[in-house]
């Protein structure tokens, strides 16, 4: 009987902790990040054989291509906070330019200007 009571208490405790860990809202996680934009997102394409060549595309939340740029000679690590903040800044700049003329721009060197 004592062993069954211990098992029941352990099961309830485990259930309680697993339930509370999934109770966080999705909006709260995104609002705390300084590199996440509410207006759109970016995608980096690179090749492991050529780590100094990247194709970066910026999109709206409606999946409309806003801007794309080919970056060569610079190794970008998208896991770094500095790179994420820089790409957010380029995304918001390119979104402003896109809102004016509604055409996707290409290779205006927004990324290279911020990196240097």
Foldseek 3Di string as FASTA:
>chain_A
DVVVVVVVVVVVVVVVVVVVVPPDDPVVVQVVQLLDDPFWDKDWDDDPVAQQWIKMWIAGPVRHTQEIEIGGDDHDDVVDSVSSNLVSVLNVVSVVVCVVPVDHYYHPCSSVVSVD
